[in-house]
């Protein structure tokens, strides 16, 4: 395993935690913008319908994946600028 990849692991863990928090905040805002006053439903929320539960899950997954990719890519690019080596 390349040394740059090993050295990047802790950075990647921190970035992952930050991206999760950012994605959660963005999802809450997006859910409110769609006109929902309540928190998004869980898949097992009996009081909410199928369409609402599945829509919430799809939106949350898409936001999380997009934010994670953007943060991971930014971290890798910053690592290359600092070290001259791509961490992947």
PDB file of N, CA and C in Angstrom:
ATOM      1  N   UNK A   1       0.838  -1.173   0.000  1.00  0.00           N
ATOM      2  CA  UNK A   1       0.000   0.000   0.000  1.00  0.00           C
ATOM      3  C   UNK A   1       0.886   1.240   0.000  1.00  0.00           C
ATOM      4  N   UNK A   2       0.495   2.225  -0.812  1.00  0.00           N
ATOM      5  CA  UNK A   2       1.278   3.451  -0.914  1.00  0.00           C
ATOM      6  C   UNK A   2       1.219   4.244   0.388  1.00  0.00           C
ATOM      7  N   UNK A   3       2.331   4.881   0.715  1.00  0.00           N
ATOM      8  CA  UNK A   3       2.410   5.677   1.943  1.00  0.00           C
ATOM      9  C   UNK A   3       1.405   6.822   1.925  1.00  0.00           C
ATOM     10  N   UNK A   4       1.186   7.420   0.747  1.00  0.00           N
ATOM     11  CA  UNK A   4       0.237   8.534   0.672  1.00  0.00           C
ATOM     12  C   UNK A   4      -1.183   8.072   0.972  1.00  0.00           C
ATOM     13  N   UNK A   5      -1.492   6.847   0.578  1.00  0.00           N
ATOM     14  CA  UNK A   5      -2.821   6.306   0.847  1.00  0.00           C
ATOM     15  C   UNK A   5      -3.018   6.065   2.343  1.00  0.00           C
ATOM     16  N   UNK A   6      -1.991   5.549   2.998  1.00  0.00           N
ATOM     17  CA  UNK A   6      -2.060   5.303   4.440  1.00  0.00           C
ATOM     18  C   UNK A   6      -2.145   6.635   5.198  1.00  0.00           C
ATOM     19  N   UNK A   7      -1.365   7.609   4.776  1.00  0.00           N
ATOM     20  CA  UNK A   7      -1.359   8.910   5.439  1.00  0.00           C
ATOM     21  C   UNK A   7      -2.688   9.641   5.255  1.00  0.00           C
ATOM     22  N   UNK A   8      -3.377   9.368   4.167  1.00  0.00           N
ATOM     23  CA  UNK A   8      -4.643  10.046   3.871  1.00  0.00           C
ATOM     24  C   UNK A   8      -5.815   9.462   4.672  1.00  0.00           C
ATOM     25  N   UNK A   9      -5.684   8.244   5.192  1.00  0.00           N
ATOM     26  CA  UNK A   9      -6.785   7.582   5.905  1.00  0.00           C
ATOM     27  C   UNK A   9      -7.391   8.450   7.006  1.00  0.00           C
ATOM     28  N   UNK A  10      -6.606   8.989   7.937  1.00  0.00           N
ATOM     29  CA  UNK A  10      -7.225   9.822   8.990  1.00  0.00           C
ATOM     30  C   UNK A  10      -7.924  11.065   8.427  1.00  0.00           C
ATOM     31  N   UNK A  11      -7.331  11.637   7.385  1.00  0.00           N
ATOM     32  CA  UNK A  11      -7.942  12.806   6.752  1.00  0.00           C
ATOM     33  C   UNK A  11      -9.282  12.407   6.148  1.00  0.00           C
ATOM     34  N   UNK A  12      -9.308  11.260   5.486  1.00  0.00           N
ATOM     35  CA  UNK A  12     -10.539  10.765   4.880  1.00  0.00           C
ATOM     36  C   UNK A  12     -11.624  10.505   5.913  1.00  0.00           C
ATOM     37  N   UNK A  13     -11.241   9.998   7.072  1.00  0.00           N
ATOM     38  CA  UNK A  13     -12.220   9.752   8.140  1.00  0.00           C
ATOM     39  C   UNK A  13     -12.836  11.052   8.642  1.00  0.00           C
ATOM     40  N   UNK A  14     -12.011  12.053   8.839  1.00  0.00           N
ATOM     41  CA  UNK A  14     -12.515  13.352   9.295  1.00  0.00           C
ATOM     42  C   UNK A  14     -13.415  13.973   8.232  1.00  0.00           C
ATOM     43  N   UNK A  15     -12.975  13.920   6.986  1.00  0.00           N
ATOM     44  CA  UNK A  15     -13.791  14.465   5.906  1.00  0.00           C
ATOM     45  C   UNK A  15     -15.114  13.724   5.785  1.00  0.00           C
ATOM     46  N   UNK A  16     -15.105  12.419   6.004  1.00  0.00           N
ATOM     47  CA  UNK A  16     -16.336  11.645   5.959  1.00  0.00           C
ATOM     48  C   UNK A  16     -17.330  12.081   7.021  1.00  0.00           C
ATOM     49  N   UNK A  17     -16.843  12.323   8.213  1.00  0.00           N
ATOM     50  CA  UNK A  17     -17.719  12.787   9.294  1.00  0.00           C
ATOM     51  C   UNK A  17     -18.292  14.170   8.983  1.00  0.00           C
ATOM     52  N   UNK A  18     -17.439  15.044   8.473  1.00  0.00           N
ATOM     53  CA  UNK A  18     -17.899  16.386   8.119  1.00  0.00           C
ATOM     54  C   UNK A  18     -18.911  16.353   6.981  1.00  0.00           C
ATOM     55  N   UNK A  19     -18.667  15.496   5.989  1.00  0.00           N
ATOM     56  CA  UNK A  19     -19.599  15.424   4.869  1.00  0.00           C
ATOM     57  C   UNK A  19     -20.945  14.858   5.310  1.00  0.00           C
ATOM     58  N   UNK A  20     -20.945  13.934   6.256  1.00  0.00           N
ATOM     59  CA  UNK A  20     -22.203  13.399   6.770  1.00  0.00           C
ATOM     60  C   UNK A  20     -23.019  14.470   7.480  1.00  0.00           C
ATOM     61  N   UNK A  21     -22.355  15.279   8.280  1.00  0.00           N
ATOM     62  CA  UNK A  21     -23.049  16.363   8.981  1.00  0.00           C
ATOM     63  C   UNK A  21     -23.585  17.401   7.993  1.00  0.00           C
ATOM     64  N   UNK A  22     -22.774  17.753   7.011  1.00  0.00           N
ATOM     65  CA  UNK A  22     -23.204  18.714   5.996  1.00  0.00           C
ATOM     66  C   UNK A  22     -24.377  18.176   5.191  1.00  0.00           C
ATOM     67  N   UNK A  23     -24.312  16.911   4.805  1.00  0.00           N
ATOM     68  CA  UNK A  23     -25.395  16.303   4.029  1.00  0.00           C
ATOM     69  C   UNK A  23     -26.688  16.271   4.838  1.00  0.00           C
ATOM     70  N   UNK A  24     -26.594  15.974   6.121  1.00  0.00           N
ATOM     71  CA  UNK A  24     -27.782  15.965   6.967  1.00  0.00           C
ATOM     72  C   UNK A  24     -28.449  17.330   7.032  1.00  0.00           C
ATOM     73  N   UNK A  25     -27.642  18.368   7.180  1.00  0.00           N
ATOM     74  CA  UNK A  25     -28.183  19.728   7.231  1.00  0.00           C
ATOM     75  C   UNK A  25     -28.809  20.126   5.892  1.00  0.00           C
ATOM     76  N   UNK A  26     -28.146  19.777   4.792  1.00  0.00           N
ATOM     77  CA  UNK A  26     -28.694  20.090   3.467  1.00  0.00           C
ATOM     78  C   UNK A  26     -29.994  19.352   3.219  1.00  0.00           C
ATOM     79  N   UNK A  27     -30.068  18.092   3.655  1.00  0.00           N
ATOM     80  CA  UNK A  27     -31.293  17.323   3.472  1.00  0.00           C
ATOM     81  C   UNK A  27     -32.452  17.944   4.250  1.00  0.00           C
ATOM     82  N   UNK A  28     -32.210  18.361   5.479  1.00  0.00           N
ATOM     83  CA  UNK A  28     -33.280  18.981   6.272  1.00  0.00           C
ATOM     84  C   UNK A  28     -33.811  20.231   5.573  1.00  0.00           C
ATOM     85  N   UNK A  29     -32.898  21.030   5.021  1.00  0.00           N
ATOM     86  CA  UNK A  29     -33.323  22.237   4.305  1.00  0.00           C
ATOM     87  C   UNK A  29     -34.099  21.889   3.039  1.00  0.00           C
ATOM     88  N   UNK A  30     -33.625  20.887   2.302  1.00  0.00           N
ATOM     89  CA  UNK A  30     -34.311  20.477   1.076  1.00  0.00           C
ATOM     90  C   UNK A  30     -35.702  19.939   1.396  1.00  0.00           C
ATOM     91  N   UNK A  31     -35.814  19.174   2.466  1.00  0.00           N
ATOM     92  CA  UNK A  31     -37.110  18.606   2.854  1.00  0.00           C
ATOM     93  C   UNK A  31     -38.096  19.729   3.203  1.00  0.00           C
ATOM     94  N   UNK A  32     -37.612  20.752   3.891  1.00  0.00           N
ATOM     95  CA  UNK A  32     -38.468  21.895   4.222  1.00  0.00           C
ATOM     96  C   UNK A  32     -38.860  22.664   2.963  1.00  0.00           C
ATOM     97  N   UNK A  33     -37.920  22.810   2.020  1.00  0.00           N
ATOM     98  CA  UNK A  33     -38.203  23.529   0.775  1.00  0.00           C
ATOM     99  C   UNK A  33     -39.269  22.818  -0.054  1.00  0.00           C
ATOM    100  N   UNK A  34     -39.380  21.511   0.113  1.00  0.00           N
ATOM    101  CA  UNK A  34     -40.406  20.755  -0.591  1.00  0.00           C
ATOM    102  C   UNK A  34     -41.780  20.899   0.064  1.00  0.00           C
ATOM    103  N   UNK A  35     -41.853  21.693   1.122  1.00  0.00           N
ATOM    104  CA  UNK A  35     -43.132  21.993   1.738  1.00  0.00           C
ATOM    105  C   UNK A  35     -43.506  21.119   2.915  1.00  0.00           C
ATOM    106  N   UNK A  36     -42.543  20.434   3.501  1.00  0.00           N
ATOM    107  CA  UNK A  36     -42.820  19.565   4.643  1.00  0.00           C
ATOM    108  C   UNK A  36     -42.420  20.284   5.930  1.00  0.00           C
ATOM    109  N   UNK A  37     -43.377  20.382   6.846  1.00  0.00           N
ATOM    110  CA  UNK A  37     -43.102  21.024   8.127  1.00  0.00           C
ATOM    111  C   UNK A  37     -42.475  20.057   9.119  1.00  0.00           C
ATOM    112  N   UNK A  38     -42.787  18.783   8.981  1.00  0.00           N
ATOM    113  CA  UNK A  38     -42.292  17.774   9.905  1.00  0.00           C
ATOM    114  C   UNK A  38     -40.952  17.229   9.433  1.00  0.00           C
ATOM    115  N   UNK A  39     -40.284  16.507  10.337  1.00  0.00           N
ATOM    116  CA  UNK A  39     -39.063  15.808   9.949  1.00  0.00           C
ATOM    117  C   UNK A  39     -39.400  14.751   8.914  1.00  0.00           C
ATOM    118  N   UNK A  40     -38.400  14.347   8.165  1.00  0.00           N
ATOM    119  CA  UNK A  40     -38.599  13.315   7.154  1.00  0.00           C
ATOM    120  C   UNK A  40     -38.979  11.995   7.837  1.00  0.00           C
ATOM    121  N   UNK A  41     -39.816  11.201   7.184  1.00  0.00           N
ATOM    122  CA  UNK A  41     -40.228   9.945   7.797  1.00  0.00           C
ATOM    123  C   UNK A  41     -39.156   8.872   7.706  1.00  0.00           C
ATOM    124  N   UNK A  42     -39.186   7.970   8.678  1.00  0.00           N
ATOM    125  CA  UNK A  42     -38.387   6.754   8.588  1.00  0.00           C
ATOM    126  C   UNK A  42     -39.157   5.774   7.719  1.00  0.00           C
ATOM    127  N   UNK A  43     -38.465   4.771   7.217  1.00  0.00           N
ATOM    128  CA  UNK A  43     -39.125   3.772   6.378  1.00  0.00           C
ATOM    129  C   UNK A  43     -40.202   3.010   7.148  1.00  0.00           C
ATOM    130  N   UNK A  44     -40.067   2.913   8.459  1.00  0.00           N
ATOM    131  CA  UNK A  44     -41.026   2.158   9.259  1.00  0.00           C
ATOM    132  C   UNK A  44     -42.052   3.037   9.965  1.00  0.00           C
ATOM    133  N   UNK A  45     -42.141   4.309   9.578  1.00  0.00           N
ATOM    134  CA  UNK A  45     -43.103   5.225  10.175  1.00  0.00           C
ATOM    135  C   UNK A  45     -44.504   4.885   9.667  1.00  0.00           C
ATOM    136  N   UNK A  46     -45.319   4.338  10.539  1.00  0.00           N
ATOM    137  CA  UNK A  46     -46.658   3.856  10.154  1.00  0.00           C
ATOM    138  C   UNK A  46     -47.598   4.989   9.765  1.00  0.00           C
ATOM    139  N   UNK A  47     -47.360   6.167  10.295  1.00  0.00           N
ATOM    140  CA  UNK A  47     -48.252   7.308  10.060  1.00  0.00           C
ATOM    141  C   UNK A  47     -48.045   7.960   8.689  1.00  0.00           C
ATOM    142  N   UNK A  48     -46.977   7.642   8.013  1.00  0.00           N
ATOM    143  CA  UNK A  48     -46.650   8.280   6.733  1.00  0.00           C
ATOM    144  C   UNK A  48     -46.839   7.281   5.598  1.00  0.00           C
ATOM    145  N   UNK A  49     -47.120   7.774   4.411  1.00  0.00           N
ATOM    146  CA  UNK A  49     -47.362   6.923   3.256  1.00  0.00           C
ATOM    147  C   UNK A  49     -46.088   6.442   2.587  1.00  0.00           C
ATOM    148  N   UNK A  50     -46.284   5.460   1.711  1.00  0.00           N
ATOM    149  CA  UNK A  50     -45.166   4.887   0.956  1.00  0.00           C
ATOM    150  C   UNK A  50     -44.430   5.946   0.151  1.00  0.00           C
ATOM    151  N   UNK A  51     -45.175   6.745  -0.580  1.00  0.00           N
ATOM    152  CA  UNK A  51     -44.553   7.728  -1.475  1.00  0.00           C
ATOM    153  C   UNK A  51     -43.683   8.704  -0.687  1.00  0.00           C
ATOM    154  N   UNK A  52     -44.186   9.170   0.442  1.00  0.00           N
ATOM    155  CA  UNK A  52     -43.421  10.125   1.240  1.00  0.00           C
ATOM    156  C   UNK A  52     -42.166   9.482   1.826  1.00  0.00           C
ATOM    157  N   UNK A  53     -42.288   8.268   2.326  1.00  0.00           N
ATOM    158  CA  UNK A  53     -41.140   7.581   2.929  1.00  0.00           C
ATOM    159  C   UNK A  53     -40.060   7.272   1.893  1.00  0.00           C
ATOM    160  N   UNK A  54     -40.480   6.794   0.727  1.00  0.00           N
ATOM    161  CA  UNK A  54     -39.507   6.446  -0.316  1.00  0.00           C
ATOM    162  C   UNK A  54     -38.889   7.707  -0.916  1.00  0.00           C
ATOM    163  N   UNK A  55     -39.683   8.739  -1.119  1.00  0.00           N
ATOM    164  CA  UNK A  55     -39.154  10.002  -1.643  1.00  0.00           C
ATOM    165  C   UNK A  55     -38.107  10.585  -0.702  1.00  0.00           C
ATOM    166  N   UNK A  56     -38.390  10.552   0.583  1.00  0.00           N
ATOM    167  CA  UNK A  56     -37.434  11.063   1.567  1.00  0.00           C
ATOM    168  C   UNK A  56     -36.130  10.272   1.514  1.00  0.00           C
ATOM    169  N   UNK A  57     -36.225   8.959   1.417  1.00  0.00           N
ATOM    170  CA  UNK A  57     -35.022   8.119   1.391  1.00  0.00           C
ATOM    171  C   UNK A  57     -34.197   8.366   0.129  1.00  0.00           C
ATOM    172  N   UNK A  58     -34.860   8.495  -1.006  1.00  0.00           N
ATOM    173  CA  UNK A  58     -34.149   8.734  -2.266  1.00  0.00           C
ATOM    174  C   UNK A  58     -33.465  10.100  -2.240  1.00  0.00           C
ATOM    175  N   UNK A  59     -34.177  11.110  -1.776  1.00  0.00           N
ATOM    176  CA  UNK A  59     -33.598  12.454  -1.701  1.00  0.00           C
ATOM    177  C   UNK A  59     -32.414  12.483  -0.737  1.00  0.00           C
ATOM    178  N   UNK A  60     -32.574  11.852   0.410  1.00  0.00           N
ATOM    179  CA  UNK A  60     -31.490  11.823   1.392  1.00  0.00           C
ATOM    180  C   UNK A  60     -30.270  11.095   0.840  1.00  0.00           C
ATOM    181  N   UNK A  61     -30.480   9.980   0.167  1.00  0.00           N
ATOM    182  CA  UNK A  61     -29.368   9.227  -0.413  1.00  0.00           C
ATOM    183  C   UNK A  61     -28.640  10.006  -1.494  1.00  0.00           C
ATOM    184  N   UNK A  62     -29.407  10.685  -2.339  1.00  0.00           N
ATOM    185  CA  UNK A  62     -28.793  11.465  -3.417  1.00  0.00           C
ATOM    186  C   UNK A  62     -27.969  12.627  -2.857  1.00  0.00           C
ATOM    187  N   UNK A  63     -28.508  13.313  -1.877  1.00  0.00           N
ATOM    188  CA  UNK A  63     -27.772  14.434  -1.272  1.00  0.00           C
ATOM    189  C   UNK A  63     -26.512  13.922  -0.586  1.00  0.00           C
ATOM    190  N   UNK A  64     -26.638  12.841   0.172  1.00  0.00           N
ATOM    191  CA  UNK A  64     -25.474  12.296   0.869  1.00  0.00           C
ATOM    192  C   UNK A  64     -24.388  11.882  -0.119  1.00  0.00           C
ATOM    193  N   UNK A  65     -24.762  11.172  -1.179  1.00  0.00           N
ATOM    194  CA  UNK A  65     -23.773  10.712  -2.159  1.00  0.00           C
ATOM    195  C   UNK A  65     -23.091  11.885  -2.860  1.00  0.00           C
ATOM    196  N   UNK A  66     -23.861  12.905  -3.209  1.00  0.00           N
ATOM    197  CA  UNK A  66     -23.281  14.068  -3.879  1.00  0.00           C
ATOM    198  C   UNK A  66     -22.320  14.839  -2.991  1.00  0.00           C
ATOM    199  N   UNK A  67     -22.726  15.059  -1.753  1.00  0.00           N
ATOM    200  CA  UNK A  67     -21.865  15.787  -0.815  1.00  0.00           C
ATOM    201  C   UNK A  67     -20.603  14.985  -0.525  1.00  0.00           C
ATOM    202  N   UNK A  68     -20.755  13.684  -0.304  1.00  0.00           N
ATOM    203  CA  UNK A  68     -19.598  12.833  -0.015  1.00  0.00           C
ATOM    204  C   UNK A  68     -18.604  12.853  -1.174  1.00  0.00           C
ATOM    205  N   UNK A  69     -19.095  12.738  -2.400  1.00  0.00           N
ATOM    206  CA  UNK A  69     -18.210  12.758  -3.564  1.00  0.00           C
ATOM    207  C   UNK A  69     -17.488  14.095  -3.686  1.00  0.00           C
ATOM    208  N   UNK A  70     -18.203  15.184  -3.463  1.00  0.00           N
ATOM    209  CA  UNK A  70     -17.587  16.506  -3.576  1.00  0.00           C
ATOM    210  C   UNK A  70     -16.525  16.712  -2.494  1.00  0.00           C
ATOM    211  N   UNK A  71     -16.823  16.296  -1.268  1.00  0.00           N
ATOM    212  CA  UNK A  71     -15.868  16.469  -0.175  1.00  0.00           C
ATOM    213  C   UNK A  71     -14.658  15.553  -0.363  1.00  0.00           C
ATOM    214  N   UNK A  72     -14.891  14.294  -0.739  1.00  0.00           N
ATOM    215  CA  UNK A  72     -13.782  13.363  -0.974  1.00  0.00           C
ATOM    216  C   UNK A  72     -12.872  13.859  -2.099  1.00  0.00           C
ATOM    217  N   UNK A  73     -13.481  14.324  -3.171  1.00  0.00           N
ATOM    218  CA  UNK A  73     -12.700  14.805  -4.309  1.00  0.00           C
ATOM    219  C   UNK A  73     -11.895  16.047  -3.922  1.00  0.00           C
ATOM    220  N   UNK A  74     -12.512  16.943  -3.169  1.00  0.00           N
ATOM    221  CA  UNK A  74     -11.807  18.150  -2.714  1.00  0.00           C
ATOM    222  C   UNK A  74     -10.639  17.790  -1.799  1.00  0.00           C
ATOM    223  N   UNK A  75     -10.846  16.825  -0.912  1.00  0.00           N
ATOM    224  CA  UNK A  75      -9.771  16.387  -0.020  1.00  0.00           C
ATOM    225  C   UNK A  75      -8.614  15.770  -0.776  1.00  0.00           C
ATOM    226  N   UNK A  76      -8.930  14.963  -1.780  1.00  0.00           N
ATOM    227  CA  UNK A  76      -7.878  14.343  -2.582  1.00  0.00           C
ATOM    228  C   UNK A  76      -7.110  15.397  -3.387  1.00  0.00           C
ATOM    229  N   UNK A  77      -7.846  16.355  -3.933  1.00  0.00           N
ATOM    230  CA  UNK A  77      -7.179  17.421  -4.700  1.00  0.00           C
ATOM    231  C   UNK A  77      -6.289  18.272  -3.795  1.00  0.00           C
ATOM    232  N   UNK A  78      -6.757  18.563  -2.584  1.00  0.00           N
ATOM    233  CA  UNK A  78      -5.944  19.341  -1.642  1.00  0.00           C
ATOM    234  C   UNK A  78      -4.699  18.552  -1.235  1.00  0.00           C
ATOM    235  N   UNK A  79      -4.841  17.260  -1.058  1.00  0.00           N
ATOM    236  CA  UNK A  79      -3.691  16.415  -0.724  1.00  0.00           C
ATOM    237  C   UNK A  79      -2.672  16.430  -1.848  1.00  0.00           C
ATOM    238  N   UNK A  80      -3.148  16.375  -3.086  1.00  0.00           N
ATOM    239  CA  UNK A  80      -2.219  16.428  -4.222  1.00  0.00           C
ATOM    240  C   UNK A  80      -1.486  17.769  -4.267  1.00  0.00           C
ATOM    241  N   UNK A  81      -2.216  18.862  -3.998  1.00  0.00           N
ATOM    242  CA  UNK A  81      -1.562  20.184  -3.998  1.00  0.00           C
ATOM    243  C   UNK A  81      -0.492  20.275  -2.914  1.00  0.00           C
ATOM    244  N   UNK A  82      -0.773  19.671  -1.765  1.00  0.00           N
ATOM    245  CA  UNK A  82       0.168  19.753  -0.640  1.00  0.00           C
ATOM    246  C   UNK A  82       1.357  18.789  -0.781  1.00  0.00           C
ATOM    247  N   UNK A  83       1.090  17.589  -1.296  1.00  0.00           N
ATOM    248  CA  UNK A  83       2.126  16.551  -1.312  1.00  0.00           C
ATOM    249  C   UNK A  83       2.642  16.217  -2.703  1.00  0.00           C
ATOM    250  N   UNK A  84       1.883  16.576  -3.714  1.00  0.00           N
ATOM    251  CA  UNK A  84       2.264  16.223  -5.078  1.00  0.00           C
ATOM    252  C   UNK A  84       1.837  14.827  -5.478  1.00  0.00           C
ATOM    253  N   UNK A  85       1.127  14.123  -4.592  1.00  0.00           N
ATOM    254  CA  UNK A  85       0.697  12.751  -4.849  1.00  0.00           C
ATOM    255  C   UNK A  85      -0.792  12.615  -4.636  1.00  0.00           C
ATOM    256  N   UNK A  86      -1.466  11.957  -5.552  1.00  0.00           N
ATOM    257  CA  UNK A  86      -2.899  11.673  -5.400  1.00  0.00           C
ATOM    258  C   UNK A  86      -3.061  10.539  -4.396  1.00  0.00           C
ATOM    259  N   UNK A  87      -3.927  10.664  -3.404  1.00  0.00           N
ATOM    260  CA  UNK A  87      -3.995   9.682  -2.320  1.00  0.00           C
ATOM    261  C   UNK A  87      -4.676   8.361  -2.682  1.00  0.00           C
ATOM    262  N   UNK A  88      -5.308   8.262  -3.808  1.00  0.00           N
ATOM    263  CA  UNK A  88      -6.088   7.066  -4.131  1.00  0.00           C
ATOM    264  C   UNK A  88      -5.371   5.928  -4.700  1.00  0.00           C
TER     265      UNK A  88
END
